[in-house]
Amino acid sequence: MSSTPYTPISYVYLTTLSEMLAKHLHRSEATISAWITGHARLFSRLRSGQGCNAHTYQDALVWFSSNWPNDLEWPSDIPRPTPPQSTQEVSSC
């Protein structure tokens, strides 16, 4: 079971983050999607009104938070999840 705090689902959060990161890195959103999910369709699906499951959503937000460039400001209107602790840190408690 994941110890990552729940973040309310807003597909606009994911599409905003993907757009910003793609522009910053000079990559396509399909490339960003492939890095996160292993396929290029996540953000195009969200924009077309299709969704994703809660695990994919949460995993994508955590991926963005863990991989966000230091020289790009995280949007203030999007809650930033705290990346989960490593297994070693959790087991030492």
C-alpha atoms as a PDB file:
ATOM      1  CA  MET A   1       0.000   0.000   0.000  1.00  0.00           C
ATOM      2  CA  SER A   2       1.321   3.426  -0.961  1.00  0.00           C
ATOM      3  CA  SER A   3       2.165   5.950   1.731  1.00  0.00           C
ATOM      4  CA  THR A   4       1.946   8.851  -0.740  1.00  0.00           C
ATOM      5  CA  PRO A   5      -0.673  11.379   0.413  1.00  0.00           C
ATOM      6  CA  TYR A   6      -3.748  11.567  -1.786  1.00  0.00           C
ATOM      7  CA  THR A   7      -3.889  14.459  -4.254  1.00  0.00           C
ATOM      8  CA  PRO A   8      -7.324  15.389  -5.670  1.00  0.00           C
ATOM      9  CA  ILE A   9      -7.607  14.423  -9.344  1.00  0.00           C
ATOM     10  CA  SER A  10      -7.483  17.285 -11.813  1.00  0.00           C
ATOM     11  CA  TYR A  11      -6.416  16.328 -15.307  1.00  0.00           C
ATOM     12  CA  VAL A  12      -5.612  20.005 -15.909  1.00  0.00           C
ATOM     13  CA  TYR A  13      -2.759  19.597 -13.414  1.00  0.00           C
ATOM     14  CA  LEU A  14      -1.173  16.839 -15.490  1.00  0.00           C
ATOM     15  CA  THR A  15      -1.677  18.543 -18.839  1.00  0.00           C
ATOM     16  CA  THR A  16      -0.300  21.830 -17.474  1.00  0.00           C
ATOM     17  CA  LEU A  17       2.774  20.113 -16.056  1.00  0.00           C
ATOM     18  CA  SER A  18       3.365  18.145 -19.259  1.00  0.00           C
ATOM     19  CA  GLU A  19       3.027  21.263 -21.405  1.00  0.00           C
ATOM     20  CA  MET A  20       5.436  23.237 -19.227  1.00  0.00           C
ATOM     21  CA  LEU A  21       8.027  20.468 -19.022  1.00  0.00           C
ATOM     22  CA  ALA A  22       7.850  19.654 -22.734  1.00  0.00           C
ATOM     23  CA  LYS A  23       8.388  23.302 -23.625  1.00  0.00           C
ATOM     24  CA  HIS A  24      11.232  23.663 -21.121  1.00  0.00           C
ATOM     25  CA  LEU A  25      13.036  20.522 -22.348  1.00  0.00           C
ATOM     26  CA  HIS A  26      12.205  21.074 -26.045  1.00  0.00           C
ATOM     27  CA  ARG A  27      10.510  17.669 -26.175  1.00  0.00           C
ATOM     28  CA  SER A  28       7.021  16.601 -27.179  1.00  0.00           C
ATOM     29  CA  GLU A  29       4.327  15.795 -24.663  1.00  0.00           C
ATOM     30  CA  ALA A  30       4.231  12.323 -26.211  1.00  0.00           C
ATOM     31  CA  THR A  31       7.872  11.876 -25.174  1.00  0.00           C
ATOM     32  CA  ILE A  32       7.100  13.057 -21.633  1.00  0.00           C
ATOM     33  CA  SER A  33       4.153  10.635 -21.516  1.00  0.00           C
ATOM     34  CA  ALA A  34       6.370   7.769 -22.672  1.00  0.00           C
ATOM     35  CA  TRP A  35       8.890   8.540 -19.939  1.00  0.00           C
ATOM     36  CA  ILE A  36       6.141   8.398 -17.322  1.00  0.00           C
ATOM     37  CA  THR A  37       3.833   5.625 -18.520  1.00  0.00           C
ATOM     38  CA  GLY A  38       5.725   3.761 -21.237  1.00  0.00           C
ATOM     39  CA  HIS A  39       3.327   4.965 -23.950  1.00  0.00           C
ATOM     40  CA  ALA A  40       2.818   8.290 -25.696  1.00  0.00           C
ATOM     41  CA  ARG A  41      -0.941   8.686 -25.303  1.00  0.00           C
ATOM     42  CA  LEU A  42      -1.575   9.863 -21.736  1.00  0.00           C
ATOM     43  CA  PHE A  43      -1.826  13.607 -22.300  1.00  0.00           C
ATOM     44  CA  SER A  44      -3.620  13.345 -25.640  1.00  0.00           C
ATOM     45  CA  ARG A  45      -6.171  11.058 -23.953  1.00  0.00           C
ATOM     46  CA  LEU A  46      -6.706  13.518 -21.112  1.00  0.00           C
ATOM     47  CA  ARG A  47      -7.149  16.432 -23.516  1.00  0.00           C
ATOM     48  CA  SER A  48      -9.694  14.474 -25.562  1.00  0.00           C
ATOM     49  CA  GLY A  49     -11.885  13.945 -22.503  1.00  0.00           C
ATOM     50  CA  GLN A  50     -10.759  10.423 -21.703  1.00  0.00           C
ATOM     51  CA  GLY A  51      -9.309   9.785 -18.301  1.00  0.00           C
ATOM     52  CA  CYS A  52      -6.803   7.623 -16.537  1.00  0.00           C
ATOM     53  CA  ASN A  53      -7.024   5.566 -13.382  1.00  0.00           C
ATOM     54  CA  ALA A  54      -6.130   7.013  -9.993  1.00  0.00           C
ATOM     55  CA  HIS A  55      -2.842   5.087  -9.799  1.00  0.00           C
ATOM     56  CA  THR A  56      -1.654   6.425 -13.158  1.00  0.00           C
ATOM     57  CA  TYR A  57      -2.657   9.936 -12.130  1.00  0.00           C
ATOM     58  CA  GLN A  58      -0.864   9.768  -8.781  1.00  0.00           C
ATOM     59  CA  ASP A  59       2.200   8.080 -10.296  1.00  0.00           C
ATOM     60  CA  ALA A  60       2.408  10.809 -12.953  1.00  0.00           C
ATOM     61  CA  LEU A  61       2.210  13.602 -10.351  1.00  0.00           C
ATOM     62  CA  VAL A  62       4.909  11.958  -8.248  1.00  0.00           C
ATOM     63  CA  TRP A  63       7.054  11.476 -11.384  1.00  0.00           C
ATOM     64  CA  PHE A  64       6.712  15.168 -12.243  1.00  0.00           C
ATOM     65  CA  SER A  65       7.601  16.180  -8.688  1.00  0.00           C
ATOM     66  CA  SER A  66      10.624  13.850  -8.580  1.00  0.00           C
ATOM     67  CA  ASN A  67      11.918  14.870 -12.014  1.00  0.00           C
ATOM     68  CA  TRP A  68      11.022  18.562 -12.127  1.00  0.00           C
ATOM     69  CA  PRO A  69      14.017  20.694 -13.205  1.00  0.00           C
ATOM     70  CA  ASN A  70      15.479  23.010 -10.579  1.00  0.00           C
ATOM     71  CA  ASP A  71      15.512  25.882 -13.071  1.00  0.00           C
ATOM     72  CA  LEU A  72      11.767  25.649 -13.764  1.00  0.00           C
ATOM     73  CA  GLU A  73       9.333  26.953 -11.158  1.00  0.00           C
ATOM     74  CA  TRP A  74       6.593  24.526 -10.110  1.00  0.00           C
ATOM     75  CA  PRO A  75       3.172  26.139 -10.765  1.00  0.00           C
ATOM     76  CA  SER A  76       1.834  27.666  -7.558  1.00  0.00           C
ATOM     77  CA  ASP A  77      -1.747  26.567  -8.299  1.00  0.00           C
ATOM     78  CA  ILE A  78      -0.810  22.861  -8.505  1.00  0.00           C
ATOM     79  CA  PRO A  79      -0.213  20.987  -5.231  1.00  0.00           C
ATOM     80  CA  ARG A  80       3.208  19.349  -5.372  1.00  0.00           C
ATOM     81  CA  PRO A  81       3.316  15.855  -3.887  1.00  0.00           C
ATOM     82  CA  THR A  82       6.243  14.788  -1.788  1.00  0.00           C
ATOM     83  CA  PRO A  83       8.081  11.908  -3.468  1.00  0.00           C
ATOM     84  CA  PRO A  84       7.807   8.663  -1.483  1.00  0.00           C
ATOM     85  CA  GLN A  85      10.719   7.645   0.733  1.00  0.00           C
ATOM     86  CA  SER A  86      13.025   4.939  -0.523  1.00  0.00           C
ATOM     87  CA  THR A  87      12.508   1.392   0.732  1.00  0.00           C
ATOM     88  CA  GLN A  88      15.658   1.617   2.861  1.00  0.00           C
ATOM     89  CA  GLU A  89      14.431   4.718   4.649  1.00  0.00           C
ATOM     90  CA  VAL A  90      11.035   3.168   5.351  1.00  0.00           C
ATOM     91  CA  SER A  91      12.454  -0.117   6.654  1.00  0.00           C
ATOM     92  CA  SER A  92      14.774   1.644   9.112  1.00  0.00           C
ATOM     93  CA  CYS A  93      11.900   3.215  11.059  1.00  0.00           C
END
